[in-house]
Structure formats: structure tokens, C-alpha cells
Amino acid sequence: MAENTAQYGWDASMGISLYDKIRQDMKTSMLKKDTGVRDTMRLIMGAFPEITVPITLGSGKKSTRTKTPEEITDEDIHNIIRKFVKSEKTMLEIKKETSSDYLELLESYLPKMATTEAIEAWIKTNIDFSAMKSPTQAMGAVMKHFGKRADGNQVKAILQGMTAQK
């Protein structure tokens, strides 16, 4: 499967929604009889009914309804994929392995994570440590800027490393 995954994946610069790209890749994988990719796309698409919107019924009772395909955002799908990535990483830890074709395919649909260098550069230009008692007080601002593109443990290590240098 790994050698065939080059044409799969998504990036915001493609000009296509993640929802449409997953459907397109599903069709491509079926035509090429690429069962690993097909099954992964089915898994992701099978989780779409979990994406709901809160509603208030006529009686005033609060409920939810499944989002229509037009309402599903890229972020909704990223959250689903992140859930599968987390699950796969847990399985790989148990097996004492580092990666799998399945994990690499899932990650190809997520936005690229911020590099350590990018995080450090942003911190140097935007954070004033002199006003803080502890370097970890900057965590909130850094995580707010990078969002889900940065791992909290990575940011914490960078912050601790930067203050240790001073």
C-alpha cells in the first residue's frame, strides 16, 4: 500500500474540500483495487454520521442532528482523522512498532504539524518572558496561535529549553 499512497492525501492548497478529496480518493482506490486505502476511506466516511449539530426541538428540548455533506467542514473531518491517528499510535505502542502504512495514510490528510524551529521563532518574536513567573505561562498563547498544528508536549519542551538557555 505504501508505494501507492503518493497520489492520496490532502492539503488546503489543493483547492478542493477535504470531504470531496476523501470521496475522490475512495473512488480512485476502488478503481485501482487498492484495498488498504479503500478501507481507510470507508472508515473515515463511516464516521461522518458522528458529526452533529445541536438543535432545539419545537418542545424546547435540546437535541442534535447529523450534519449534511454541505455542512461538514475540513476541521470536522480532521477531528475524526485525529481520533483514528491517536488510536493507531496506541496500537503501535502496544506492538512496539513506530509506524504503519495506515498511520501514514491518515496523517497525509491532516495539516502539517508546526516544526520546532517555527514554534521557537514565533515564541522569540511574540513572547516576553520577563513579564512571566514561569516559562510555561506562555503555553496558552503559543497553543492558541498554533492550535492543533502543535503538540502540547513539544511546546512545553521548547519553552523549558529556551528558558534554560538564558
C-alpha atoms as a PDB file:
ATOM      1  CA  MET A   1       0.000   0.000   0.000  1.00  0.00           C
ATOM      2  CA  ALA A   2       2.819   2.470   0.818  1.00  0.00           C
ATOM      3  CA  GLU A   3       4.078   2.762  -2.746  1.00  0.00           C
ATOM      4  CA  ASN A   4       0.565   3.557  -3.993  1.00  0.00           C
ATOM      5  CA  THR A   5      -0.249   6.271  -1.457  1.00  0.00           C
ATOM      6  CA  ALA A   6       1.660   9.029  -3.273  1.00  0.00           C
ATOM      7  CA  GLN A   7      -1.477  10.308  -5.042  1.00  0.00           C
ATOM      8  CA  TYR A   8      -3.505  10.172  -1.837  1.00  0.00           C
ATOM      9  CA  GLY A   9      -3.600  12.822   0.846  1.00  0.00           C
ATOM     10  CA  TRP A  10      -4.841  16.363   1.150  1.00  0.00           C
ATOM     11  CA  ASP A  11      -3.514  19.870   1.510  1.00  0.00           C
ATOM     12  CA  ALA A  12      -5.507  23.110   1.849  1.00  0.00           C
ATOM     13  CA  SER A  13      -3.693  24.493  -1.223  1.00  0.00           C
ATOM     14  CA  MET A  14      -5.321  21.840  -3.456  1.00  0.00           C
ATOM     15  CA  GLY A  15      -8.447  23.951  -3.893  1.00  0.00           C
ATOM     16  CA  ILE A  16     -10.737  21.033  -3.024  1.00  0.00           C
ATOM     17  CA  SER A  17     -12.547  20.388   0.239  1.00  0.00           C
ATOM     18  CA  LEU A  18     -11.291  17.533   2.381  1.00  0.00           C
ATOM     19  CA  TYR A  19     -14.737  15.906   2.138  1.00  0.00           C
ATOM     20  CA  ASP A  20     -14.571  15.891  -1.685  1.00  0.00           C
ATOM     21  CA  LYS A  21     -10.934  14.703  -1.696  1.00  0.00           C
ATOM     22  CA  ILE A  22     -11.758  11.730   0.539  1.00  0.00           C
ATOM     23  CA  ARG A  23     -14.668  10.769  -1.744  1.00  0.00           C
ATOM     24  CA  GLN A  24     -12.424  11.173  -4.792  1.00  0.00           C
ATOM     25  CA  ASP A  25      -9.665   9.044  -3.230  1.00  0.00           C
ATOM     26  CA  MET A  26     -12.255   6.417  -2.312  1.00  0.00           C
ATOM     27  CA  LYS A  27     -13.266   6.113  -5.984  1.00  0.00           C
ATOM     28  CA  THR A  28      -9.639   6.062  -7.134  1.00  0.00           C
ATOM     29  CA  SER A  29      -8.720   3.331  -4.656  1.00  0.00           C
ATOM     30  CA  MET A  30     -11.694   1.222  -5.745  1.00  0.00           C
ATOM     31  CA  LEU A  31     -10.731   1.525  -9.412  1.00  0.00           C
ATOM     32  CA  LYS A  32      -7.115   0.590  -8.627  1.00  0.00           C
ATOM     33  CA  LYS A  33      -8.253  -2.208  -6.306  1.00  0.00           C
ATOM     34  CA  ASP A  34      -6.169  -0.659  -3.508  1.00  0.00           C
ATOM     35  CA  THR A  35      -7.973  -2.286  -0.580  1.00  0.00           C
ATOM     36  CA  GLY A  36      -5.933  -0.644   2.200  1.00  0.00           C
ATOM     37  CA  VAL A  37      -6.746   2.883   1.039  1.00  0.00           C
ATOM     38  CA  ARG A  38     -10.340   1.938   0.213  1.00  0.00           C
ATOM     39  CA  ASP A  39     -10.911   0.527   3.689  1.00  0.00           C
ATOM     40  CA  THR A  40      -9.343   3.604   5.325  1.00  0.00           C
ATOM     41  CA  MET A  41     -11.579   5.950   3.304  1.00  0.00           C
ATOM     42  CA  ARG A  42     -14.600   3.848   4.256  1.00  0.00           C
ATOM     43  CA  LEU A  43     -13.602   4.068   7.906  1.00  0.00           C
ATOM     44  CA  ILE A  44     -13.377   7.869   7.731  1.00  0.00           C
ATOM     45  CA  MET A  45     -16.627   8.216   5.776  1.00  0.00           C
ATOM     46  CA  GLY A  46     -18.335   5.805   8.166  1.00  0.00           C
ATOM     47  CA  ALA A  47     -17.638   8.252  10.995  1.00  0.00           C
ATOM     48  CA  PHE A  48     -19.388  11.159   9.223  1.00  0.00           C
ATOM     49  CA  PRO A  49     -22.722  10.471  10.994  1.00  0.00           C
ATOM     50  CA  GLU A  50     -20.904  11.258  14.267  1.00  0.00           C
ATOM     51  CA  ILE A  51     -20.564  14.878  13.084  1.00  0.00           C
ATOM     52  CA  THR A  52     -23.616  16.549  14.529  1.00  0.00           C
ATOM     53  CA  VAL A  53     -25.112  19.976  15.003  1.00  0.00           C
ATOM     54  CA  PRO A  54     -27.041  20.971  18.155  1.00  0.00           C
ATOM     55  CA  ILE A  55     -30.697  21.828  17.592  1.00  0.00           C
ATOM     56  CA  THR A  56     -33.664  22.837  19.734  1.00  0.00           C
ATOM     57  CA  LEU A  57     -36.855  20.955  19.058  1.00  0.00           C
ATOM     58  CA  GLY A  58     -40.263  22.649  18.968  1.00  0.00           C
ATOM     59  CA  SER A  59     -40.922  21.483  22.519  1.00  0.00           C
ATOM     60  CA  GLY A  60     -37.781  23.319  23.686  1.00  0.00           C
ATOM     61  CA  LYS A  61     -35.849  20.098  24.201  1.00  0.00           C
ATOM     62  CA  LYS A  62     -32.226  20.190  23.041  1.00  0.00           C
ATOM     63  CA  SER A  63     -31.042  17.513  20.637  1.00  0.00           C
ATOM     64  CA  THR A  64     -28.617  17.014  17.754  1.00  0.00           C
ATOM     65  CA  ARG A  65     -28.842  16.104  14.101  1.00  0.00           C
ATOM     66  CA  THR A  66     -26.247  14.794  11.691  1.00  0.00           C
ATOM     67  CA  LYS A  67     -24.616  17.455   9.526  1.00  0.00           C
ATOM     68  CA  THR A  68     -25.360  17.334   5.819  1.00  0.00           C
ATOM     69  CA  PRO A  69     -22.365  16.910   3.470  1.00  0.00           C
ATOM     70  CA  GLU A  70     -22.513  20.651   2.698  1.00  0.00           C
ATOM     71  CA  GLU A  71     -22.240  21.490   6.417  1.00  0.00           C
ATOM     72  CA  ILE A  72     -19.259  19.229   7.154  1.00  0.00           C
ATOM     73  CA  THR A  73     -16.105  21.330   7.491  1.00  0.00           C
ATOM     74  CA  ASP A  74     -12.497  20.294   6.969  1.00  0.00           C
ATOM     75  CA  GLU A  75     -11.961  20.746  10.725  1.00  0.00           C
ATOM     76  CA  ASP A  76     -14.789  18.265  11.460  1.00  0.00           C
ATOM     77  CA  ILE A  77     -13.045  15.656   9.312  1.00  0.00           C
ATOM     78  CA  HIS A  78      -9.632  16.482  10.802  1.00  0.00           C
ATOM     79  CA  ASN A  79     -11.060  15.732  14.262  1.00  0.00           C
ATOM     80  CA  ILE A  80     -12.263  12.320  13.047  1.00  0.00           C
ATOM     81  CA  ILE A  81      -8.887  11.539  11.477  1.00  0.00           C
ATOM     82  CA  ARG A  82      -7.027  12.677  14.622  1.00  0.00           C
ATOM     83  CA  LYS A  83      -9.130  10.228  16.632  1.00  0.00           C
ATOM     84  CA  PHE A  84      -8.092   7.374  14.309  1.00  0.00           C
ATOM     85  CA  VAL A  85      -4.429   8.517  14.396  1.00  0.00           C
ATOM     86  CA  LYS A  86      -4.450   8.521  18.204  1.00  0.00           C
ATOM     87  CA  SER A  87      -5.969   5.041  18.241  1.00  0.00           C
ATOM     88  CA  GLU A  88      -3.412   3.715  15.748  1.00  0.00           C
ATOM     89  CA  LYS A  89      -0.500   5.221  17.704  1.00  0.00           C
ATOM     90  CA  THR A  90      -1.778   3.471  20.835  1.00  0.00           C
ATOM     91  CA  MET A  91      -1.916   0.170  18.955  1.00  0.00           C
ATOM     92  CA  LEU A  92       1.593   0.679  17.590  1.00  0.00           C
ATOM     93  CA  GLU A  93       2.905   1.370  21.114  1.00  0.00           C
ATOM     94  CA  ILE A  94       1.409  -1.915  22.294  1.00  0.00           C
ATOM     95  CA  LYS A  95       3.007  -3.736  19.349  1.00  0.00           C
ATOM     96  CA  LYS A  96       6.279  -1.845  19.989  1.00  0.00           C
ATOM     97  CA  GLU A  97       6.285  -0.514  16.405  1.00  0.00           C
ATOM     98  CA  THR A  98       6.850   3.061  15.273  1.00  0.00           C
ATOM     99  CA  SER A  99       4.724   3.459  12.156  1.00  0.00           C
ATOM    100  CA  SER A 100       2.347   1.767   9.743  1.00  0.00           C
ATOM    101  CA  ASP A 101       1.039   2.372   6.234  1.00  0.00           C
ATOM    102  CA  TYR A 102      -2.383   3.063   7.765  1.00  0.00           C
ATOM    103  CA  LEU A 103      -0.967   5.756  10.082  1.00  0.00           C
ATOM    104  CA  GLU A 104       0.983   7.405   7.254  1.00  0.00           C
ATOM    105  CA  LEU A 105      -2.123   7.465   5.061  1.00  0.00           C
ATOM    106  CA  LEU A 106      -4.245   9.026   7.824  1.00  0.00           C
ATOM    107  CA  GLU A 107      -1.589  11.660   8.548  1.00  0.00           C
ATOM    108  CA  SER A 108      -1.434  12.611   4.856  1.00  0.00           C
ATOM    109  CA  TYR A 109      -4.946  14.072   5.260  1.00  0.00           C
ATOM    110  CA  LEU A 110      -4.055  16.203   8.294  1.00  0.00           C
ATOM    111  CA  PRO A 111      -2.471  19.666   8.145  1.00  0.00           C
ATOM    112  CA  LYS A 112       1.297  19.556   8.548  1.00  0.00           C
ATOM    113  CA  MET A 113       2.447  19.936  12.147  1.00  0.00           C
ATOM    114  CA  ALA A 114       4.452  23.025  13.060  1.00  0.00           C
ATOM    115  CA  THR A 115       8.182  22.413  13.214  1.00  0.00           C
ATOM    116  CA  THR A 116      10.224  23.014  16.348  1.00  0.00           C
ATOM    117  CA  GLU A 117      12.056  25.811  14.511  1.00  0.00           C
ATOM    118  CA  ALA A 118       8.777  27.533  13.544  1.00  0.00           C
ATOM    119  CA  ILE A 119       7.494  27.349  17.119  1.00  0.00           C
ATOM    120  CA  GLU A 120      10.787  28.692  18.525  1.00  0.00           C
ATOM    121  CA  ALA A 121      10.825  31.549  16.006  1.00  0.00           C
ATOM    122  CA  TRP A 122       7.257  32.537  16.865  1.00  0.00           C
ATOM    123  CA  ILE A 123       7.993  32.418  20.601  1.00  0.00           C
ATOM    124  CA  LYS A 124      11.107  34.605  20.200  1.00  0.00           C
ATOM    125  CA  THR A 125       9.183  37.294  18.326  1.00  0.00           C
ATOM    126  CA  ASN A 126       5.912  37.224  20.288  1.00  0.00           C
ATOM    127  CA  ILE A 127       6.550  36.172  23.904  1.00  0.00           C
ATOM    128  CA  ASP A 128       8.078  38.350  26.624  1.00  0.00           C
ATOM    129  CA  PHE A 129       9.368  36.025  29.359  1.00  0.00           C
ATOM    130  CA  SER A 130      10.321  38.919  31.655  1.00  0.00           C
ATOM    131  CA  ALA A 131       6.644  39.500  32.464  1.00  0.00           C
ATOM    132  CA  MET A 132       6.107  35.848  33.444  1.00  0.00           C
ATOM    133  CA  LYS A 133       6.976  33.943  36.597  1.00  0.00           C
ATOM    134  CA  SER A 134       7.329  30.649  34.760  1.00  0.00           C
ATOM    135  CA  PRO A 135       8.030  29.824  31.084  1.00  0.00           C
ATOM    136  CA  THR A 136       5.045  27.502  30.967  1.00  0.00           C
ATOM    137  CA  GLN A 137       2.781  30.540  31.396  1.00  0.00           C
ATOM    138  CA  ALA A 138       3.427  31.178  27.703  1.00  0.00           C
ATOM    139  CA  MET A 139       1.878  27.787  26.798  1.00  0.00           C
ATOM    140  CA  GLY A 140      -1.607  29.251  26.386  1.00  0.00           C
ATOM    141  CA  ALA A 141      -0.526  31.937  23.931  1.00  0.00           C
ATOM    142  CA  VAL A 142       1.612  29.534  21.891  1.00  0.00           C
ATOM    143  CA  MET A 143      -1.083  26.853  21.720  1.00  0.00           C
ATOM    144  CA  LYS A 144      -3.721  29.449  20.823  1.00  0.00           C
ATOM    145  CA  HIS A 145      -1.578  30.607  17.895  1.00  0.00           C
ATOM    146  CA  PHE A 146      -0.648  27.149  16.570  1.00  0.00           C
ATOM    147  CA  GLY A 147      -3.832  25.319  17.569  1.00  0.00           C
ATOM    148  CA  LYS A 148      -3.834  21.651  16.697  1.00  0.00           C
ATOM    149  CA  ARG A 149      -0.765  22.067  14.486  1.00  0.00           C
ATOM    150  CA  ALA A 150       1.460  21.909  17.581  1.00  0.00           C
ATOM    151  CA  ASP A 151       1.787  19.175  20.180  1.00  0.00           C
ATOM    152  CA  GLY A 152       1.466  20.463  23.756  1.00  0.00           C
ATOM    153  CA  ASN A 153       4.348  18.315  24.994  1.00  0.00           C
ATOM    154  CA  GLN A 154       6.559  19.612  22.183  1.00  0.00           C
ATOM    155  CA  VAL A 155       5.702  23.251  23.038  1.00  0.00           C
ATOM    156  CA  LYS A 156       6.349  22.632  26.743  1.00  0.00           C
ATOM    157  CA  ALA A 157       9.775  21.126  25.987  1.00  0.00           C
ATOM    158  CA  ILE A 158      10.660  24.056  23.719  1.00  0.00           C
ATOM    159  CA  LEU A 159       9.635  26.602  26.359  1.00  0.00           C
ATOM    160  CA  GLN A 160      11.642  24.841  29.045  1.00  0.00           C
ATOM    161  CA  GLY A 161      14.628  24.560  26.728  1.00  0.00           C
ATOM    162  CA  MET A 162      14.524  28.239  25.770  1.00  0.00           C
ATOM    163  CA  THR A 163      14.459  29.442  29.370  1.00  0.00           C
ATOM    164  CA  ALA A 164      17.220  27.019  30.373  1.00  0.00           C
ATOM    165  CA  GLN A 165      19.477  28.667  27.768  1.00  0.00           C
ATOM    166  CA  LYS A 166      19.072  32.110  29.355  1.00  0.00           C
END
